[in-house]
């Protein structure tokens, strides 16, 4: 049986569209990164999970994609959840210019995403 990865971008649609308008190279890097996440969501680096309720969960990772080209330097943060059936679900949460640390992460919102279960098909 082939592994299925569900990628959900509804929370960052506006930001992704704006980022893709930055330049053709940035748009290409974004499309390539989204495809890589679809193919192998585990391929990007993990961020430390600061919420005790999330950190203790098996198969839950917070990952970040670096999108860089010349002066453009952005981060795409996503929640990667490995399902018990071998499939995965990915929620893109944030798109923003690179800065020191990730203080804007709303851990309560991430906990709510985990609680809602699998997306409707």
C-alpha atoms as a PDB file:
ATOM      1  CA  UNK A   1       0.000   0.000   0.000  1.00  0.00           C
ATOM      2  CA  UNK A   2       1.317   3.445  -0.925  1.00  0.00           C
ATOM      3  CA  UNK A   3       1.768   6.070   1.764  1.00  0.00           C
ATOM      4  CA  UNK A   4      -0.570   9.053   1.582  1.00  0.00           C
ATOM      5  CA  UNK A   5       0.393  12.558   2.703  1.00  0.00           C
ATOM      6  CA  UNK A   6      -2.361  15.149   3.096  1.00  0.00           C
ATOM      7  CA  UNK A   7      -0.996  18.698   2.812  1.00  0.00           C
ATOM      8  CA  UNK A   8      -3.268  21.466   4.107  1.00  0.00           C
ATOM      9  CA  UNK A   9      -2.390  25.081   3.283  1.00  0.00           C
ATOM     10  CA  UNK A  10      -5.690  26.839   4.046  1.00  0.00           C
ATOM     11  CA  UNK A  11      -4.226  28.824   6.969  1.00  0.00           C
ATOM     12  CA  UNK A  12      -1.501  30.379   4.806  1.00  0.00           C
ATOM     13  CA  UNK A  13      -3.031  30.705   1.329  1.00  0.00           C
ATOM     14  CA  UNK A  14      -2.732  34.508   1.239  1.00  0.00           C
ATOM     15  CA  UNK A  15       0.832  34.455   2.513  1.00  0.00           C
ATOM     16  CA  UNK A  16       1.910  31.781   0.021  1.00  0.00           C
ATOM     17  CA  UNK A  17       0.394  33.727  -2.882  1.00  0.00           C
ATOM     18  CA  UNK A  18       2.127  36.929  -1.760  1.00  0.00           C
ATOM     19  CA  UNK A  19       5.423  35.101  -1.321  1.00  0.00           C
ATOM     20  CA  UNK A  20       5.183  33.628  -4.828  1.00  0.00           C
ATOM     21  CA  UNK A  21       4.712  37.145  -6.243  1.00  0.00           C
ATOM     22  CA  UNK A  22       8.091  38.169  -4.780  1.00  0.00           C
ATOM     23  CA  UNK A  23      10.045  36.732  -7.729  1.00  0.00           C
ATOM     24  CA  UNK A  24      10.003  33.825 -10.168  1.00  0.00           C
ATOM     25  CA  UNK A  25      12.876  32.156  -8.320  1.00  0.00           C
ATOM     26  CA  UNK A  26      11.100  32.444  -4.976  1.00  0.00           C
ATOM     27  CA  UNK A  27       7.878  31.099  -6.526  1.00  0.00           C
ATOM     28  CA  UNK A  28       9.822  28.151  -7.966  1.00  0.00           C
ATOM     29  CA  UNK A  29      11.443  27.492  -4.568  1.00  0.00           C
ATOM     30  CA  UNK A  30       8.019  27.550  -2.873  1.00  0.00           C
ATOM     31  CA  UNK A  31       6.519  25.113  -5.409  1.00  0.00           C
ATOM     32  CA  UNK A  32       9.540  22.821  -5.097  1.00  0.00           C
ATOM     33  CA  UNK A  33       9.327  22.915  -1.276  1.00  0.00           C
ATOM     34  CA  UNK A  34       5.586  22.131  -1.283  1.00  0.00           C
ATOM     35  CA  UNK A  35       6.242  19.161  -3.567  1.00  0.00           C
ATOM     36  CA  UNK A  36       9.050  17.959  -1.301  1.00  0.00           C
ATOM     37  CA  UNK A  37       6.744  18.184   1.716  1.00  0.00           C
ATOM     38  CA  UNK A  38       4.125  16.181  -0.217  1.00  0.00           C
ATOM     39  CA  UNK A  39       6.705  13.522  -1.138  1.00  0.00           C
ATOM     40  CA  UNK A  40       8.686  13.394   2.119  1.00  0.00           C
ATOM     41  CA  UNK A  41       7.408  15.647   4.923  1.00  0.00           C
ATOM     42  CA  UNK A  42      10.130  14.368   7.242  1.00  0.00           C
ATOM     43  CA  UNK A  43      12.876  15.811   5.034  1.00  0.00           C
ATOM     44  CA  UNK A  44      12.868  19.275   6.622  1.00  0.00           C
ATOM     45  CA  UNK A  45      14.431  20.188   9.969  1.00  0.00           C
ATOM     46  CA  UNK A  46      12.401  20.136  13.151  1.00  0.00           C
ATOM     47  CA  UNK A  47      11.812  22.975  15.584  1.00  0.00           C
ATOM     48  CA  UNK A  48      11.719  22.465  19.321  1.00  0.00           C
ATOM     49  CA  UNK A  49       8.159  22.022  20.550  1.00  0.00           C
ATOM     50  CA  UNK A  50       7.629  24.232  23.577  1.00  0.00           C
ATOM     51  CA  UNK A  51       4.162  22.977  24.489  1.00  0.00           C
ATOM     52  CA  UNK A  52       4.202  20.055  26.905  1.00  0.00           C
ATOM     53  CA  UNK A  53       0.852  18.841  25.559  1.00  0.00           C
ATOM     54  CA  UNK A  54       2.248  18.619  22.022  1.00  0.00           C
ATOM     55  CA  UNK A  55       5.820  17.548  22.808  1.00  0.00           C
ATOM     56  CA  UNK A  56       4.673  14.323  24.434  1.00  0.00           C
ATOM     57  CA  UNK A  57       2.701  13.139  21.401  1.00  0.00           C
ATOM     58  CA  UNK A  58       4.112  10.329  19.311  1.00  0.00           C
ATOM     59  CA  UNK A  59       4.610  11.155  15.641  1.00  0.00           C
ATOM     60  CA  UNK A  60       4.063  14.928  15.932  1.00  0.00           C
ATOM     61  CA  UNK A  61       6.740  17.298  14.634  1.00  0.00           C
ATOM     62  CA  UNK A  62       6.987  21.010  13.982  1.00  0.00           C
ATOM     63  CA  UNK A  63       9.125  21.553  10.873  1.00  0.00           C
ATOM     64  CA  UNK A  64      10.461  24.533   8.969  1.00  0.00           C
ATOM     65  CA  UNK A  65      11.262  25.165   5.315  1.00  0.00           C
ATOM     66  CA  UNK A  66      13.835  27.836   4.449  1.00  0.00           C
ATOM     67  CA  UNK A  67      13.024  29.777   1.271  1.00  0.00           C
ATOM     68  CA  UNK A  68      15.978  31.934   0.321  1.00  0.00           C
ATOM     69  CA  UNK A  69      17.052  33.756  -2.811  1.00  0.00           C
ATOM     70  CA  UNK A  70      19.358  36.759  -2.742  1.00  0.00           C
ATOM     71  CA  UNK A  71      17.808  39.271  -0.300  1.00  0.00           C
ATOM     72  CA  UNK A  72      14.648  37.166   0.143  1.00  0.00           C
ATOM     73  CA  UNK A  73      14.716  34.953   3.250  1.00  0.00           C
ATOM     74  CA  UNK A  74      11.451  33.379   4.412  1.00  0.00           C
ATOM     75  CA  UNK A  75      10.305  30.541   6.637  1.00  0.00           C
ATOM     76  CA  UNK A  76       7.371  28.191   6.136  1.00  0.00           C
ATOM     77  CA  UNK A  77       6.447  26.406   9.367  1.00  0.00           C
ATOM     78  CA  UNK A  78       4.317  23.271   9.298  1.00  0.00           C
ATOM     79  CA  UNK A  79       2.910  20.712  11.670  1.00  0.00           C
ATOM     80  CA  UNK A  80       3.804  17.176  10.534  1.00  0.00           C
ATOM     81  CA  UNK A  81       1.699  14.413  12.022  1.00  0.00           C
ATOM     82  CA  UNK A  82       2.430  10.756  11.307  1.00  0.00           C
ATOM     83  CA  UNK A  83      -0.814   8.811  11.496  1.00  0.00           C
ATOM     84  CA  UNK A  84      -1.128   5.349  13.023  1.00  0.00           C
ATOM     85  CA  UNK A  85      -2.026   3.879   9.618  1.00  0.00           C
ATOM     86  CA  UNK A  86       1.327   4.935   8.102  1.00  0.00           C
ATOM     87  CA  UNK A  87      -0.093   8.000   6.376  1.00  0.00           C
ATOM     88  CA  UNK A  88       0.769  11.595   7.263  1.00  0.00           C
ATOM     89  CA  UNK A  89      -0.993  14.920   7.609  1.00  0.00           C
ATOM     90  CA  UNK A  90       0.745  18.270   7.189  1.00  0.00           C
ATOM     91  CA  UNK A  91      -0.726  21.653   8.192  1.00  0.00           C
ATOM     92  CA  UNK A  92       1.163  24.728   7.050  1.00  0.00           C
ATOM     93  CA  UNK A  93       0.843  27.197   9.924  1.00  0.00           C
ATOM     94  CA  UNK A  94       3.013  30.246   9.252  1.00  0.00           C
ATOM     95  CA  UNK A  95       4.824  32.016   6.426  1.00  0.00           C
ATOM     96  CA  UNK A  96       7.027  34.925   7.442  1.00  0.00           C
ATOM     97  CA  UNK A  97      10.364  36.653   6.834  1.00  0.00           C
ATOM     98  CA  UNK A  98      13.264  35.120   8.706  1.00  0.00           C
ATOM     99  CA  UNK A  99      13.868  36.512  12.172  1.00  0.00           C
ATOM    100  CA  UNK A 100      15.543  35.359  15.332  1.00  0.00           C
ATOM    101  CA  UNK A 101      13.533  32.582  16.933  1.00  0.00           C
ATOM    102  CA  UNK A 102       9.853  31.749  16.454  1.00  0.00           C
ATOM    103  CA  UNK A 103       8.033  33.776  19.145  1.00  0.00           C
ATOM    104  CA  UNK A 104       4.772  34.030  17.179  1.00  0.00           C
ATOM    105  CA  UNK A 105       3.941  30.320  17.351  1.00  0.00           C
ATOM    106  CA  UNK A 106       0.478  29.903  18.827  1.00  0.00           C
ATOM    107  CA  UNK A 107       0.734  26.587  20.667  1.00  0.00           C
ATOM    108  CA  UNK A 108      -2.968  26.605  21.562  1.00  0.00           C
ATOM    109  CA  UNK A 109      -3.923  26.774  17.874  1.00  0.00           C
ATOM    110  CA  UNK A 110      -1.620  23.844  17.120  1.00  0.00           C
ATOM    111  CA  UNK A 111      -3.189  21.821  19.932  1.00  0.00           C
ATOM    112  CA  UNK A 112      -6.626  22.580  18.429  1.00  0.00           C
ATOM    113  CA  UNK A 113      -5.485  21.331  15.001  1.00  0.00           C
ATOM    114  CA  UNK A 114      -4.302  18.084  16.546  1.00  0.00           C
ATOM    115  CA  UNK A 115      -7.615  17.663  18.357  1.00  0.00           C
ATOM    116  CA  UNK A 116      -9.750  18.111  15.225  1.00  0.00           C
ATOM    117  CA  UNK A 117      -8.636  14.808  13.719  1.00  0.00           C
ATOM    118  CA  UNK A 118      -8.196  13.944  10.062  1.00  0.00           C
ATOM    119  CA  UNK A 119      -9.466  16.383   7.432  1.00  0.00           C
ATOM    120  CA  UNK A 120     -12.693  15.668   5.572  1.00  0.00           C
ATOM    121  CA  UNK A 121     -12.048  14.136   2.163  1.00  0.00           C
END
